[in-house]
Amino acid sequence: MIVRACTPADAEAIKTLCPESDIDPARDIVVVVEASGAVVGVMAFRQVAFVHSFGVDPGLSTRRNAAELVLAYTLGAGRALGHREALFVVDKTNDAMRNWIEDKGAKEQSGVVYTMEVR
């Protein structure tokens, strides 16, 4: 068994192992596990901002305030760190924030989000 970076020859195995994913080796860091000459595991990750708290006071300025927060991130940390995406955690009961983020093109993901400290 060997763990290695993916190569173009691994594309079909990656599609088979993760058929619903949007893995893009040009954007993601993709690592595969190879055993007996076959790819038997894949993990893809990318640098993103993890926005773990996102909320504004409901009211007339909700959309503007949310936009200003995201703009501040985009122009500041996001560009400086080279992030092309952000992962937003929004309270499922906060319809205003959910509507705003979806209007900006964010897509609700399936599954459960786990955080794990790595050192």
N, C-alpha and C. Protein backbone atom coordinates (compact mmCIF):
# COMPACT_ATOMS: atom_id res chain seq x y z
N MET A 1 0.84 -1.17 0.00
CA MET A 1 0.00 0.00 0.00
C MET A 1 0.89 1.24 0.00
N ILE A 2 0.49 2.22 -0.80
CA ILE A 2 1.23 3.46 -0.88
C ILE A 2 0.24 4.63 -0.94
N VAL A 3 0.59 5.70 -0.25
CA VAL A 3 -0.18 6.94 -0.30
C VAL A 3 0.62 7.91 -1.13
N ARG A 4 -0.04 8.51 -2.13
CA ARG A 4 0.69 9.40 -3.05
C ARG A 4 -0.26 10.45 -3.62
N ALA A 5 0.33 11.45 -4.23
CA ALA A 5 -0.46 12.46 -4.93
C ALA A 5 -1.10 11.82 -6.15
N CYS A 6 -2.27 12.30 -6.51
CA CYS A 6 -2.95 11.72 -7.67
C CYS A 6 -2.24 12.12 -8.96
N THR A 7 -2.47 11.33 -9.99
CA THR A 7 -1.97 11.62 -11.33
C THR A 7 -3.17 11.60 -12.27
N PRO A 8 -3.02 12.11 -13.48
CA PRO A 8 -4.14 12.06 -14.42
C PRO A 8 -4.67 10.65 -14.65
N ALA A 9 -3.82 9.65 -14.53
CA ALA A 9 -4.25 8.26 -14.73
C ALA A 9 -5.24 7.80 -13.65
N ASP A 10 -5.33 8.52 -12.54
CA ASP A 10 -6.23 8.14 -11.44
C ASP A 10 -7.65 8.68 -11.62
N ALA A 11 -7.90 9.45 -12.65
CA ALA A 11 -9.19 10.15 -12.80
C ALA A 11 -10.39 9.21 -12.74
N GLU A 12 -10.33 8.09 -13.42
CA GLU A 12 -11.48 7.18 -13.45
C GLU A 12 -11.72 6.57 -12.07
N ALA A 13 -10.65 6.18 -11.38
CA ALA A 13 -10.80 5.60 -10.04
C ALA A 13 -11.36 6.63 -9.07
N ILE A 14 -10.94 7.88 -9.21
CA ILE A 14 -11.45 8.94 -8.34
C ILE A 14 -12.95 9.14 -8.57
N LYS A 15 -13.37 9.13 -9.83
CA LYS A 15 -14.80 9.26 -10.14
C LYS A 15 -15.60 8.09 -9.58
N THR A 16 -15.02 6.91 -9.61
CA THR A 16 -15.70 5.72 -9.09
C THR A 16 -15.82 5.79 -7.57
N LEU A 17 -14.76 6.20 -6.89
CA LEU A 17 -14.76 6.24 -5.43
C LEU A 17 -15.56 7.42 -4.86
N CYS A 18 -15.60 8.51 -5.58
CA CYS A 18 -16.31 9.73 -5.12
C CYS A 18 -17.19 10.26 -6.24
N PRO A 19 -18.23 9.53 -6.62
CA PRO A 19 -19.01 9.89 -7.80
C PRO A 19 -19.78 11.21 -7.68
N GLU A 20 -20.12 11.65 -6.49
CA GLU A 20 -20.91 12.86 -6.32
C GLU A 20 -20.06 14.09 -6.03
N SER A 21 -18.76 13.96 -6.03
CA SER A 21 -17.90 15.07 -5.63
C SER A 21 -17.54 15.96 -6.82
N ASP A 22 -16.98 17.11 -6.50
CA ASP A 22 -16.51 18.03 -7.53
C ASP A 22 -14.99 18.16 -7.45
N ILE A 23 -14.32 17.03 -7.32
CA ILE A 23 -12.86 17.03 -7.21
C ILE A 23 -12.25 17.58 -8.50
N ASP A 24 -11.36 18.54 -8.33
CA ASP A 24 -10.68 19.15 -9.46
C ASP A 24 -9.19 19.23 -9.11
N PRO A 25 -8.36 18.37 -9.69
CA PRO A 25 -6.93 18.38 -9.36
C PRO A 25 -6.24 19.72 -9.62
N ALA A 26 -6.84 20.57 -10.46
CA ALA A 26 -6.26 21.89 -10.69
C ALA A 26 -6.51 22.82 -9.50
N ARG A 27 -7.52 22.53 -8.71
CA ARG A 27 -7.89 23.37 -7.57
C ARG A 27 -7.63 22.68 -6.24
N ASP A 28 -7.79 21.38 -6.19
CA ASP A 28 -7.71 20.62 -4.95
C ASP A 28 -6.36 19.93 -4.80
N ILE A 29 -6.05 19.61 -3.57
CA ILE A 29 -4.93 18.73 -3.29
C ILE A 29 -5.55 17.34 -3.16
N VAL A 30 -5.13 16.42 -4.02
CA VAL A 30 -5.75 15.10 -4.07
C VAL A 30 -4.70 14.05 -3.76
N VAL A 31 -5.03 13.22 -2.77
CA VAL A 31 -4.14 12.15 -2.34
C VAL A 31 -4.89 10.84 -2.53
N VAL A 32 -4.19 9.83 -3.03
CA VAL A 32 -4.82 8.52 -3.22
C VAL A 32 -4.04 7.45 -2.47
N VAL A 33 -4.74 6.37 -2.19
CA VAL A 33 -4.12 5.17 -1.63
C VAL A 33 -4.12 4.14 -2.74
N GLU A 34 -2.97 3.58 -3.00
CA GLU A 34 -2.84 2.57 -4.05
C GLU A 34 -2.42 1.25 -3.40
N ALA A 35 -3.11 0.18 -3.78
CA ALA A 35 -2.78 -1.16 -3.29
C ALA A 35 -2.82 -2.12 -4.46
N SER A 36 -1.79 -2.88 -4.62
CA SER A 36 -1.69 -3.84 -5.72
C SER A 36 -1.96 -3.19 -7.08
N GLY A 37 -1.47 -1.97 -7.26
CA GLY A 37 -1.60 -1.28 -8.54
C GLY A 37 -2.94 -0.61 -8.78
N ALA A 38 -3.88 -0.70 -7.83
CA ALA A 38 -5.20 -0.08 -8.00
C ALA A 38 -5.41 1.00 -6.95
N VAL A 39 -6.07 2.08 -7.35
CA VAL A 39 -6.42 3.13 -6.41
C VAL A 39 -7.62 2.66 -5.60
N VAL A 40 -7.45 2.58 -4.28
CA VAL A 40 -8.50 2.07 -3.40
C VAL A 40 -9.02 3.12 -2.41
N GLY A 41 -8.47 4.31 -2.46
CA GLY A 41 -8.92 5.38 -1.57
C GLY A 41 -8.51 6.73 -2.13
N VAL A 42 -9.31 7.73 -1.81
CA VAL A 42 -9.01 9.09 -2.27
C VAL A 42 -9.44 10.09 -1.20
N MET A 43 -8.66 11.14 -1.05
CA MET A 43 -9.01 12.26 -0.19
C MET A 43 -8.64 13.53 -0.94
N ALA A 44 -9.59 14.44 -1.05
CA ALA A 44 -9.34 15.72 -1.71
C ALA A 44 -9.64 16.84 -0.75
N PHE A 45 -8.78 17.83 -0.72
CA PHE A 45 -9.04 18.98 0.13
C PHE A 45 -8.54 20.23 -0.57
N ARG A 46 -9.06 21.35 -0.11
CA ARG A 46 -8.65 22.64 -0.65
C ARG A 46 -8.62 23.65 0.47
N GLN A 47 -7.84 24.68 0.26
CA GLN A 47 -7.80 25.75 1.24
C GLN A 47 -9.10 26.55 1.13
N VAL A 48 -9.75 26.70 2.24
CA VAL A 48 -10.96 27.51 2.29
C VAL A 48 -10.97 28.27 3.60
N ALA A 49 -11.77 29.29 3.63
CA ALA A 49 -12.03 29.96 4.89
C ALA A 49 -13.19 29.24 5.54
N PHE A 50 -13.07 28.93 6.80
CA PHE A 50 -14.15 28.29 7.54
C PHE A 50 -14.82 29.38 8.36
N VAL A 51 -15.93 29.88 7.86
CA VAL A 51 -16.68 30.93 8.54
C VAL A 51 -17.63 30.22 9.51
N HIS A 52 -17.20 30.10 10.75
CA HIS A 52 -17.97 29.30 11.71
C HIS A 52 -19.05 30.10 12.43
N SER A 53 -19.03 31.40 12.31
CA SER A 53 -20.07 32.24 12.91
C SER A 53 -20.42 33.33 11.92
N PHE A 54 -21.69 33.40 11.56
CA PHE A 54 -22.11 34.37 10.54
C PHE A 54 -23.53 34.77 10.83
N GLY A 55 -23.74 35.98 11.24
CA GLY A 55 -25.08 36.44 11.54
C GLY A 55 -25.12 37.95 11.65
N VAL A 56 -26.23 38.51 11.30
CA VAL A 56 -26.45 39.94 11.46
C VAL A 56 -27.85 40.14 12.04
N ASP A 57 -28.04 41.29 12.64
CA ASP A 57 -29.33 41.61 13.23
C ASP A 57 -30.39 41.68 12.14
N PRO A 58 -31.51 40.97 12.31
CA PRO A 58 -32.56 41.03 11.29
C PRO A 58 -33.15 42.44 11.21
N GLY A 59 -33.48 42.82 10.04
CA GLY A 59 -34.06 44.15 9.84
C GLY A 59 -33.77 44.64 8.44
N LEU A 60 -33.97 45.93 8.26
CA LEU A 60 -33.83 46.51 6.93
C LEU A 60 -32.40 46.43 6.39
N SER A 61 -31.42 46.42 7.27
CA SER A 61 -30.02 46.44 6.83
C SER A 61 -29.38 45.07 6.77
N THR A 62 -30.14 44.00 6.97
CA THR A 62 -29.57 42.66 7.03
C THR A 62 -28.70 42.35 5.83
N ARG A 63 -29.22 42.53 4.64
CA ARG A 63 -28.49 42.18 3.43
C ARG A 63 -27.23 43.04 3.27
N ARG A 64 -27.35 44.33 3.54
CA ARG A 64 -26.19 45.21 3.40
C ARG A 64 -25.10 44.84 4.41
N ASN A 65 -25.50 44.59 5.65
CA ASN A 65 -24.52 44.24 6.68
C ASN A 65 -23.83 42.92 6.36
N ALA A 66 -24.58 41.94 5.90
CA ALA A 66 -23.98 40.65 5.52
C ALA A 66 -23.02 40.85 4.37
N ALA A 67 -23.42 41.65 3.38
CA ALA A 67 -22.55 41.90 2.22
C ALA A 67 -21.26 42.57 2.64
N GLU A 68 -21.34 43.50 3.57
CA GLU A 68 -20.13 44.19 4.04
C GLU A 68 -19.18 43.23 4.74
N LEU A 69 -19.73 42.32 5.54
CA LEU A 69 -18.88 41.34 6.21
C LEU A 69 -18.16 40.44 5.20
N VAL A 70 -18.89 39.95 4.23
CA VAL A 70 -18.29 39.07 3.23
C VAL A 70 -17.28 39.83 2.38
N LEU A 71 -17.60 41.08 2.04
CA LEU A 71 -16.66 41.89 1.26
C LEU A 71 -15.37 42.11 2.05
N ALA A 72 -15.49 42.37 3.34
CA ALA A 72 -14.30 42.57 4.16
C ALA A 72 -13.43 41.32 4.15
N TYR A 73 -14.06 40.16 4.26
CA TYR A 73 -13.29 38.91 4.19
C TYR A 73 -12.63 38.75 2.82
N THR A 74 -13.43 38.95 1.77
CA THR A 74 -12.93 38.74 0.41
C THR A 74 -11.73 39.63 0.11
N LEU A 75 -11.84 40.90 0.45
CA LEU A 75 -10.76 41.84 0.16
C LEU A 75 -9.59 41.69 1.12
N GLY A 76 -9.86 41.20 2.31
CA GLY A 76 -8.80 41.08 3.30
C GLY A 76 -8.17 39.71 3.31
N ALA A 77 -8.60 38.92 4.25
CA ALA A 77 -7.97 37.62 4.49
C ALA A 77 -8.06 36.69 3.30
N GLY A 78 -9.21 36.63 2.65
CA GLY A 78 -9.39 35.68 1.56
C GLY A 78 -8.37 35.83 0.45
N ARG A 79 -8.22 37.03 -0.03
CA ARG A 79 -7.26 37.24 -1.12
C ARG A 79 -5.82 37.09 -0.65
N ALA A 80 -5.53 37.59 0.55
CA ALA A 80 -4.16 37.49 1.07
C ALA A 80 -3.73 36.05 1.25
N LEU A 81 -4.67 35.19 1.65
CA LEU A 81 -4.34 33.79 1.88
C LEU A 81 -4.54 32.92 0.64
N GLY A 82 -5.06 33.49 -0.42
CA GLY A 82 -5.27 32.73 -1.64
C GLY A 82 -6.50 31.84 -1.63
N HIS A 83 -7.44 32.13 -0.76
CA HIS A 83 -8.67 31.32 -0.71
C HIS A 83 -9.57 31.66 -1.88
N ARG A 84 -10.11 30.64 -2.50
CA ARG A 84 -11.04 30.82 -3.61
C ARG A 84 -12.46 30.46 -3.20
N GLU A 85 -12.61 29.87 -2.01
CA GLU A 85 -13.92 29.46 -1.52
C GLU A 85 -13.99 29.70 -0.02
N ALA A 86 -15.22 29.76 0.45
CA ALA A 86 -15.44 29.86 1.89
C ALA A 86 -16.54 28.89 2.27
N LEU A 87 -16.39 28.28 3.40
CA LEU A 87 -17.39 27.37 3.96
C LEU A 87 -18.10 28.13 5.07
N PHE A 88 -19.40 28.36 4.90
CA PHE A 88 -20.18 29.12 5.86
C PHE A 88 -21.04 28.18 6.68
N VAL A 89 -21.03 28.36 7.98
CA VAL A 89 -21.94 27.65 8.86
C VAL A 89 -22.97 28.68 9.30
N VAL A 90 -24.22 28.45 8.90
CA VAL A 90 -25.31 29.38 9.19
C VAL A 90 -26.38 28.63 9.97
N ASP A 91 -26.90 29.24 11.02
CA ASP A 91 -27.97 28.63 11.82
C ASP A 91 -29.14 28.31 10.91
N LYS A 92 -29.60 27.07 10.94
CA LYS A 92 -30.66 26.64 10.03
C LYS A 92 -31.98 27.35 10.30
N THR A 93 -32.12 27.98 11.45
CA THR A 93 -33.35 28.72 11.74
C THR A 93 -33.27 30.18 11.32
N ASN A 94 -32.12 30.62 10.85
CA ASN A 94 -31.93 32.02 10.46
C ASN A 94 -32.21 32.15 8.96
N ASP A 95 -33.48 32.29 8.62
CA ASP A 95 -33.88 32.34 7.21
C ASP A 95 -33.25 33.52 6.47
N ALA A 96 -33.11 34.66 7.12
CA ALA A 96 -32.54 35.83 6.46
C ALA A 96 -31.12 35.56 6.00
N MET A 97 -30.31 34.95 6.86
CA MET A 97 -28.91 34.66 6.49
C MET A 97 -28.85 33.54 5.45
N ARG A 98 -29.69 32.54 5.61
CA ARG A 98 -29.70 31.45 4.64
C ARG A 98 -30.11 31.98 3.26
N ASN A 99 -31.14 32.80 3.21
CA ASN A 99 -31.57 33.36 1.92
C ASN A 99 -30.49 34.23 1.31
N TRP A 100 -29.84 35.04 2.14
CA TRP A 100 -28.81 35.93 1.62
C TRP A 100 -27.66 35.13 1.02
N ILE A 101 -27.16 34.14 1.77
CA ILE A 101 -26.00 33.38 1.30
C ILE A 101 -26.34 32.57 0.06
N GLU A 102 -27.57 32.05 -0.02
CA GLU A 102 -27.99 31.31 -1.21
C GLU A 102 -28.15 32.25 -2.40
N ASP A 103 -28.62 33.48 -2.17
CA ASP A 103 -28.73 34.46 -3.25
C ASP A 103 -27.37 34.81 -3.83
N LYS A 104 -26.33 34.66 -3.03
CA LYS A 104 -24.96 34.97 -3.49
C LYS A 104 -24.32 33.78 -4.22
N GLY A 105 -25.07 32.69 -4.35
CA GLY A 105 -24.55 31.56 -5.11
C GLY A 105 -24.06 30.40 -4.27
N ALA A 106 -24.14 30.51 -2.95
CA ALA A 106 -23.72 29.40 -2.10
C ALA A 106 -24.71 28.25 -2.26
N LYS A 107 -24.21 27.05 -2.18
CA LYS A 107 -25.04 25.86 -2.30
C LYS A 107 -25.02 25.08 -1.00
N GLU A 108 -26.21 24.75 -0.51
CA GLU A 108 -26.28 23.94 0.70
C GLU A 108 -25.69 22.57 0.41
N GLN A 109 -24.85 22.10 1.30
CA GLN A 109 -24.19 20.82 1.12
C GLN A 109 -24.93 19.74 1.90
N SER A 110 -24.85 18.54 1.40
CA SER A 110 -25.45 17.43 2.13
C SER A 110 -24.42 16.86 3.09
N GLY A 111 -24.89 16.08 4.01
CA GLY A 111 -23.98 15.46 4.97
C GLY A 111 -23.89 16.28 6.24
N VAL A 112 -22.91 15.97 7.03
CA VAL A 112 -22.70 16.62 8.31
C VAL A 112 -21.31 17.23 8.29
N VAL A 113 -21.17 18.42 8.82
CA VAL A 113 -19.87 19.06 8.90
C VAL A 113 -19.22 18.69 10.22
N TYR A 114 -18.01 18.20 10.16
CA TYR A 114 -17.22 17.88 11.34
C TYR A 114 -16.01 18.80 11.37
N THR A 115 -15.62 19.22 12.53
CA THR A 115 -14.37 19.94 12.67
C THR A 115 -13.43 19.07 13.49
N MET A 116 -12.17 19.07 13.11
CA MET A 116 -11.18 18.27 13.81
C MET A 116 -9.90 19.08 13.91
N GLU A 117 -9.41 19.24 15.10
CA GLU A 117 -8.18 19.95 15.29
C GLU A 117 -7.02 19.05 14.86
N VAL A 118 -6.17 19.58 14.02
CA VAL A 118 -4.99 18.83 13.57
C VAL A 118 -3.76 19.61 13.98
N ARG A 119 -2.85 18.90 14.55
CA ARG A 119 -1.61 19.56 15.02
C ARG A 119 -0.40 18.87 14.48
